[in-house]
PDB file of N, CA and C in Angstrom:
ATOM      1  N   MET A   1     -68.105 -39.576-127.551  1.00  0.00           N
ATOM      2  CA  MET A   1     -68.158 -39.117-128.920  1.00  0.00           C
ATOM      3  C   MET A   1     -68.087 -40.328-129.844  1.00  0.00           C
ATOM      4  N   GLU A   2     -68.919 -40.299-130.840  1.00  0.00           N
ATOM      5  CA  GLU A   2     -68.930 -41.384-131.817  1.00  0.00           C
ATOM      6  C   GLU A   2     -68.571 -40.802-133.173  1.00  0.00           C
ATOM      7  N   LEU A   3     -67.734 -41.511-133.890  1.00  0.00           N
ATOM      8  CA  LEU A   3     -67.268 -41.063-135.195  1.00  0.00           C
ATOM      9  C   LEU A   3     -67.736 -42.067-136.238  1.00  0.00           C
ATOM     10  N   GLN A   4     -68.475 -41.600-137.204  1.00  0.00           N
ATOM     11  CA  GLN A   4     -68.970 -42.457-138.280  1.00  0.00           C
ATOM     12  C   GLN A   4     -68.021 -42.345-139.468  1.00  0.00           C
ATOM     13  N   LEU A   5     -67.483 -43.477-139.888  1.00  0.00           N
ATOM     14  CA  LEU A   5     -66.563 -43.505-141.028  1.00  0.00           C
ATOM     15  C   LEU A   5     -67.071 -44.476-142.073  1.00  0.00           C
ATOM     16  N   SER A   6     -66.898 -44.106-143.315  1.00  0.00           N
ATOM     17  CA  SER A   6     -67.197 -45.047-144.393  1.00  0.00           C
ATOM     18  C   SER A   6     -66.094 -46.105-144.389  1.00  0.00           C
ATOM     19  N   PRO A   7     -66.331 -47.254-145.020  1.00  0.00           N
ATOM     20  CA  PRO A   7     -65.272 -48.271-145.084  1.00  0.00           C
ATOM     21  C   PRO A   7     -63.988 -47.719-145.708  1.00  0.00           C
ATOM     22  N   GLN A   8     -64.128 -46.883-146.715  1.00  0.00           N
ATOM     23  CA  GLN A   8     -62.949 -46.306-147.359  1.00  0.00           C
ATOM     24  C   GLN A   8     -62.205 -45.372-146.399  1.00  0.00           C
ATOM     25  N   GLU A   9     -62.945 -44.552-145.658  1.00  0.00           N
ATOM     26  CA  GLU A   9     -62.321 -43.658-144.682  1.00  0.00           C
ATOM     27  C   GLU A   9     -61.640 -44.440-143.575  1.00  0.00           C
ATOM     28  N   GLN A  10     -62.293 -45.503-143.113  1.00  0.00           N
ATOM     29  CA  GLN A  10     -61.716 -46.342-142.066  1.00  0.00           C
ATOM     30  C   GLN A  10     -60.420 -46.982-142.556  1.00  0.00           C
ATOM     31  N   ASP A  11     -60.420 -47.463-143.780  1.00  0.00           N
ATOM     32  CA  ASP A  11     -59.229 -48.083-144.351  1.00  0.00           C
ATOM     33  C   ASP A  11     -58.092 -47.068-144.455  1.00  0.00           C
ATOM     34  N   TYR A  12     -58.408 -45.880-144.934  1.00  0.00           N
ATOM     35  CA  TYR A  12     -57.400 -44.831-145.083  1.00  0.00           C
ATOM     36  C   TYR A  12     -56.809 -44.442-143.725  1.00  0.00           C
ATOM     37  N   LEU A  13     -57.673 -44.249-142.733  1.00  0.00           N
ATOM     38  CA  LEU A  13     -57.212 -43.877-141.404  1.00  0.00           C
ATOM     39  C   LEU A  13     -56.399 -44.999-140.766  1.00  0.00           C
ATOM     40  N   SER A  14     -56.817 -46.230-140.957  1.00  0.00           N
ATOM     41  CA  SER A  14     -56.076 -47.372-140.425  1.00  0.00           C
ATOM     42  C   SER A  14     -54.668 -47.440-141.008  1.00  0.00           C
ATOM     43  N   ARG A  15     -54.571 -47.214-142.304  1.00  0.00           N
ATOM     44  CA  ARG A  15     -53.254 -47.239-142.941  1.00  0.00           C
ATOM     45  C   ARG A  15     -52.371 -46.101-142.434  1.00  0.00           C
ATOM     46  N   ALA A  16     -52.971 -44.926-142.256  1.00  0.00           N
ATOM     47  CA  ALA A  16     -52.209 -43.779-141.755  1.00  0.00           C
ATOM     48  C   ALA A  16     -51.707 -44.036-140.335  1.00  0.00           C
ATOM     49  N   VAL A  17     -52.547 -44.613-139.499  1.00  0.00           N
ATOM     50  CA  VAL A  17     -52.145 -44.928-138.118  1.00  0.00           C
ATOM     51  C   VAL A  17     -51.037 -45.970-138.128  1.00  0.00           C
ATOM     52  N   ASN A  18     -51.173 -46.994-138.945  1.00  0.00           N
ATOM     53  CA  ASN A  18     -50.129 -48.030-139.012  1.00  0.00           C
ATOM     54  C   ASN A  18     -48.808 -47.454-139.515  1.00  0.00           C
ATOM     55  N   ARG A  19     -48.881 -46.571-140.483  1.00  0.00           N
ATOM     56  CA  ARG A  19     -47.661 -45.934-141.004  1.00  0.00           C
ATOM     57  C   ARG A  19     -46.995 -45.121-139.890  1.00  0.00           C
ATOM     58  N   TYR A  20     -47.805 -44.370-139.148  1.00  0.00           N
ATOM     59  CA  TYR A  20     -47.260 -43.555-138.071  1.00  0.00           C
ATOM     60  C   TYR A  20     -46.671 -44.439-136.967  1.00  0.00           C
ATOM     61  N   LEU A  21     -47.310 -45.561-136.676  1.00  0.00           N
ATOM     62  CA  LEU A  21     -46.771 -46.479-135.669  1.00  0.00           C
ATOM     63  C   LEU A  21     -45.396 -47.001-136.081  1.00  0.00           C
ATOM     64  N   ARG A  22     -45.230 -47.308-137.355  1.00  0.00           N
ATOM     65  CA  ARG A  22     -43.915 -47.768-137.830  1.00  0.00           C
ATOM     66  C   ARG A  22     -42.873 -46.660-137.683  1.00  0.00           C
ATOM     67  N   GLU A  23     -43.267 -45.421-137.994  1.00  0.00           N
ATOM     68  CA  GLU A  23     -42.340 -44.296-137.837  1.00  0.00           C
ATOM     69  C   GLU A  23     -41.985 -44.078-136.372  1.00  0.00           C
ATOM     70  N   LEU A  24     -42.981 -44.181-135.497  1.00  0.00           N
ATOM     71  CA  LEU A  24     -42.724 -44.027-134.063  1.00  0.00           C
ATOM     72  C   LEU A  24     -41.781 -45.121-133.563  1.00  0.00           C
ATOM     73  N   GLU A  25     -41.990 -46.318-134.037  1.00  0.00           N
ATOM     74  CA  GLU A  25     -41.136 -47.439-133.637  1.00  0.00           C
ATOM     75  C   GLU A  25     -39.676 -47.144-133.975  1.00  0.00           C
ATOM     76  N   THR A  26     -39.433 -46.611-135.153  1.00  0.00           N
ATOM     77  CA  THR A  26     -38.076 -46.245-135.566  1.00  0.00           C
ATOM     78  C   THR A  26     -37.542 -45.113-134.704  1.00  0.00           C
ATOM     79  N   GLU A  27     -38.375 -44.115-134.469  1.00  0.00           N
ATOM     80  CA  GLU A  27     -37.956 -42.973-133.647  1.00  0.00           C
ATOM     81  C   GLU A  27     -37.594 -43.425-132.231  1.00  0.00           C
ATOM     82  N   ILE A  28     -38.391 -44.320-131.663  1.00  0.00           N
ATOM     83  CA  ILE A  28     -38.120 -44.829-130.312  1.00  0.00           C
ATOM     84  C   ILE A  28     -36.780 -45.554-130.289  1.00  0.00           C
ATOM     85  N   ALA A  29     -36.534 -46.359-131.307  1.00  0.00           N
ATOM     86  CA  ALA A  29     -35.287 -47.129-131.371  1.00  0.00           C
ATOM     87  C   ALA A  29     -34.061 -46.226-131.477  1.00  0.00           C
ATOM     88  N   HIS A  30     -34.213 -45.032-132.048  1.00  0.00           N
ATOM     89  CA  HIS A  30     -33.074 -44.145-132.262  1.00  0.00           C
ATOM     90  C   HIS A  30     -32.980 -43.013-131.235  1.00  0.00           C
ATOM     91  N   THR A  31     -33.858 -43.024-130.250  1.00  0.00           N
ATOM     92  CA  THR A  31     -33.872 -41.952-129.257  1.00  0.00           C
ATOM     93  C   THR A  31     -33.085 -42.366-128.023  1.00  0.00           C
ATOM     94  N   ASP A  32     -32.133 -41.537-127.661  1.00  0.00           N
ATOM     95  CA  ASP A  32     -31.311 -41.806-126.484  1.00  0.00           C
ATOM     96  C   ASP A  32     -31.849 -41.120-125.229  1.00  0.00           C
ATOM     97  N   ALA A  33     -32.512 -39.993-125.380  1.00  0.00           N
ATOM     98  CA  ALA A  33     -33.027 -39.240-124.235  1.00  0.00           C
ATOM     99  C   ALA A  33     -34.162 -40.026-123.579  1.00  0.00           C
ATOM    100  N   ARG A  34     -33.925 -40.447-122.354  1.00  0.00           N
ATOM    101  CA  ARG A  34     -34.848 -41.340-121.658  1.00  0.00           C
ATOM    102  C   ARG A  34     -36.264 -40.762-121.544  1.00  0.00           C
ATOM    103  N   GLU A  35     -36.363 -39.510-121.130  1.00  0.00           N
ATOM    104  CA  GLU A  35     -37.675 -38.890-120.931  1.00  0.00           C
ATOM    105  C   GLU A  35     -38.443 -38.787-122.252  1.00  0.00           C
ATOM    106  N   PHE A  36     -37.763 -38.377-123.309  1.00  0.00           N
ATOM    107  CA  PHE A  36     -38.410 -38.268-124.611  1.00  0.00           C
ATOM    108  C   PHE A  36     -38.813 -39.651-125.124  1.00  0.00           C
ATOM    109  N   ARG A  37     -37.968 -40.643-124.883  1.00  0.00           N
ATOM    110  CA  ARG A  37     -38.259 -42.019-125.292  1.00  0.00           C
ATOM    111  C   ARG A  37     -39.545 -42.510-124.620  1.00  0.00           C
ATOM    112  N   GLU A  38     -39.709 -42.189-123.334  1.00  0.00           N
ATOM    113  CA  GLU A  38     -40.917 -42.591-122.611  1.00  0.00           C
ATOM    114  C   GLU A  38     -42.153 -41.904-123.186  1.00  0.00           C
ATOM    115  N   GLU A  39     -42.019 -40.637-123.545  1.00  0.00           N
ATOM    116  CA  GLU A  39     -43.133 -39.921-124.179  1.00  0.00           C
ATOM    117  C   GLU A  39     -43.526 -40.595-125.493  1.00  0.00           C
ATOM    118  N   LEU A  40     -42.527 -40.977-126.275  1.00  0.00           N
ATOM    119  CA  LEU A  40     -42.798 -41.647-127.549  1.00  0.00           C
ATOM    120  C   LEU A  40     -43.476 -42.996-127.329  1.00  0.00           C
ATOM    121  N   LYS A  41     -43.049 -43.723-126.304  1.00  0.00           N
ATOM    122  CA  LYS A  41     -43.671 -45.015-125.992  1.00  0.00           C
ATOM    123  C   LYS A  41     -45.138 -44.824-125.617  1.00  0.00           C
ATOM    124  N   ASN A  42     -45.413 -43.784-124.824  1.00  0.00           N
ATOM    125  CA  ASN A  42     -46.807 -43.506-124.451  1.00  0.00           C
ATOM    126  C   ASN A  42     -47.638 -43.155-125.674  1.00  0.00           C
ATOM    127  N   GLU A  43     -47.047 -42.377-126.562  1.00  0.00           N
ATOM    128  CA  GLU A  43     -47.739 -42.019-127.801  1.00  0.00           C
ATOM    129  C   GLU A  43     -47.998 -43.263-128.646  1.00  0.00           C
ATOM    130  N   PHE A  44     -47.021 -44.148-128.708  1.00  0.00           N
ATOM    131  CA  PHE A  44     -47.175 -45.399-129.444  1.00  0.00           C
ATOM    132  C   PHE A  44     -48.363 -46.188-128.892  1.00  0.00           C
ATOM    133  N   GLN A  45     -48.422 -46.304-127.570  1.00  0.00           N
ATOM    134  CA  GLN A  45     -49.510 -47.062-126.950  1.00  0.00           C
ATOM    135  C   GLN A  45     -50.867 -46.444-127.273  1.00  0.00           C
ATOM    136  N   MET A  46     -50.944 -45.122-127.246  1.00  0.00           N
ATOM    137  CA  MET A  46     -52.210 -44.442-127.543  1.00  0.00           C
ATOM    138  C   MET A  46     -52.643 -44.709-128.989  1.00  0.00           C
ATOM    139  N   PHE A  47     -51.698 -44.597-129.924  1.00  0.00           N
ATOM    140  CA  PHE A  47     -52.042 -44.844-131.321  1.00  0.00           C
ATOM    141  C   PHE A  47     -52.338 -46.325-131.572  1.00  0.00           C
ATOM    142  N   ASP A  48     -51.701 -47.207-130.826  1.00  0.00           N
ATOM    143  CA  ASP A  48     -51.981 -48.634-130.963  1.00  0.00           C
ATOM    144  C   ASP A  48     -53.405 -48.938-130.493  1.00  0.00           C
ATOM    145  N   MET A  49     -53.834 -48.288-129.415  1.00  0.00           N
ATOM    146  CA  MET A  49     -55.225 -48.458-128.956  1.00  0.00           C
ATOM    147  C   MET A  49     -56.200 -47.908-129.987  1.00  0.00           C
ATOM    148  N   LEU A  50     -55.844 -46.787-130.594  1.00  0.00           N
ATOM    149  CA  LEU A  50     -56.686 -46.217-131.646  1.00  0.00           C
ATOM    150  C   LEU A  50     -56.785 -47.180-132.827  1.00  0.00           C
ATOM    151  N   ARG A  51     -55.665 -47.791-133.192  1.00  0.00           N
ATOM    152  CA  ARG A  51     -55.662 -48.767-134.285  1.00  0.00           C
ATOM    153  C   ARG A  51     -56.611 -49.914-133.977  1.00  0.00           C
ATOM    154  N   GLU A  52     -56.588 -50.381-132.727  1.00  0.00           N
ATOM    155  CA  GLU A  52     -57.485 -51.467-132.330  1.00  0.00           C
ATOM    156  C   GLU A  52     -58.950 -51.043-132.411  1.00  0.00           C
ATOM    157  N   LYS A  53     -59.234 -49.825-131.983  1.00  0.00           N
ATOM    158  CA  LYS A  53     -60.607 -49.325-132.039  1.00  0.00           C
ATOM    159  C   LYS A  53     -61.099 -49.189-133.475  1.00  0.00           C
ATOM    160  N   LEU A  54     -60.182 -48.869-134.361  1.00  0.00           N
ATOM    161  CA  LEU A  54     -60.550 -48.750-135.769  1.00  0.00           C
ATOM    162  C   LEU A  54     -60.822 -50.111-136.389  1.00  0.00           C
ATOM    163  N   GLY A  55     -60.408 -51.170-135.692  1.00  0.00           N
ATOM    164  CA  GLY A  55     -60.578 -52.500-136.242  1.00  0.00           C
ATOM    165  C   GLY A  55     -59.726 -52.673-137.474  1.00  0.00           C
ATOM    166  N   ALA A  56     -58.514 -52.167-137.372  1.00  0.00           N
ATOM    167  CA  ALA A  56     -57.609 -52.130-138.522  1.00  0.00           C
ATOM    168  C   ALA A  56     -57.476 -53.501-139.164  1.00  0.00           C
ATOM    169  N   ASN A  57     -57.614 -53.491-140.476  1.00  0.00           N
ATOM    170  CA  ASN A  57     -57.429 -54.718-141.249  1.00  0.00           C
ATOM    171  C   ASN A  57     -55.970 -54.940-141.586  1.00  0.00           C
ATOM    172  N   HIS A  58     -55.158 -53.948-141.293  1.00  0.00           N
ATOM    173  CA  HIS A  58     -53.737 -54.035-141.628  1.00  0.00           C
ATOM    174  C   HIS A  58     -52.948 -54.391-140.380  1.00  0.00           C
ATOM    175  N   LYS A  59     -51.867 -55.106-140.576  1.00  0.00           N
ATOM    176  CA  LYS A  59     -51.041 -55.513-139.449  1.00  0.00           C
ATOM    177  C   LYS A  59     -50.350 -54.322-138.806  1.00  0.00           C
ATOM    178  N   ALA A  60     -50.222 -54.410-137.509  1.00  0.00           N
ATOM    179  CA  ALA A  60     -49.459 -53.407-136.759  1.00  0.00           C
ATOM    180  C   ALA A  60     -47.984 -53.655-136.974  1.00  0.00           C
ATOM    181  N   PRO A  61     -47.149 -52.730-136.580  1.00  0.00           N
ATOM    182  CA  PRO A  61     -45.699 -52.958-136.660  1.00  0.00           C
ATOM    183  C   PRO A  61     -45.332 -54.259-135.968  1.00  0.00           C
ATOM    184  N   ALA A  62     -44.300 -54.893-136.474  1.00  0.00           N
ATOM    185  CA  ALA A  62     -43.900 -56.219-136.011  1.00  0.00           C
ATOM    186  C   ALA A  62     -43.635 -56.275-134.520  1.00  0.00           C
ATOM    187  N   SER A  63     -42.975 -55.277-133.967  1.00  0.00           N
ATOM    188  CA  SER A  63     -42.620 -55.370-132.570  1.00  0.00           C
ATOM    189  C   SER A  63     -43.113 -54.173-131.798  1.00  0.00           C
ATOM    190  N   ALA A  64     -43.957 -54.442-130.820  1.00  0.00           N
ATOM    191  CA  ALA A  64     -44.434 -53.374-129.960  1.00  0.00           C
ATOM    192  C   ALA A  64     -43.646 -53.385-128.652  1.00  0.00           C
ATOM    193  N   GLU A  65     -42.667 -54.245-128.553  1.00  0.00           N
ATOM    194  CA  GLU A  65     -41.794 -54.311-127.373  1.00  0.00           C
ATOM    195  C   GLU A  65     -40.594 -53.428-127.589  1.00  0.00           C
ATOM    196  N   PHE A  66     -40.284 -52.603-126.610  1.00  0.00           N
ATOM    197  CA  PHE A  66     -39.152 -51.695-126.736  1.00  0.00           C
ATOM    198  C   PHE A  66     -38.108 -52.012-125.721  1.00  0.00           C
TER     199      PHE A  66
END
């Protein structure tokens, strides 16, 4: 599947993904339940790959290491 986005749409989506990655990073840091934490880490990785595919012009969260 190919998705055609205008530059403005790509920018908006990139910012939304980066915002969500920062929120996930915080959630992972505050989660004690091991299984749920692993699910969040997997979700983080998936959204990080999506950010890369979007060619995000915005920086990713500072630390992707958990």
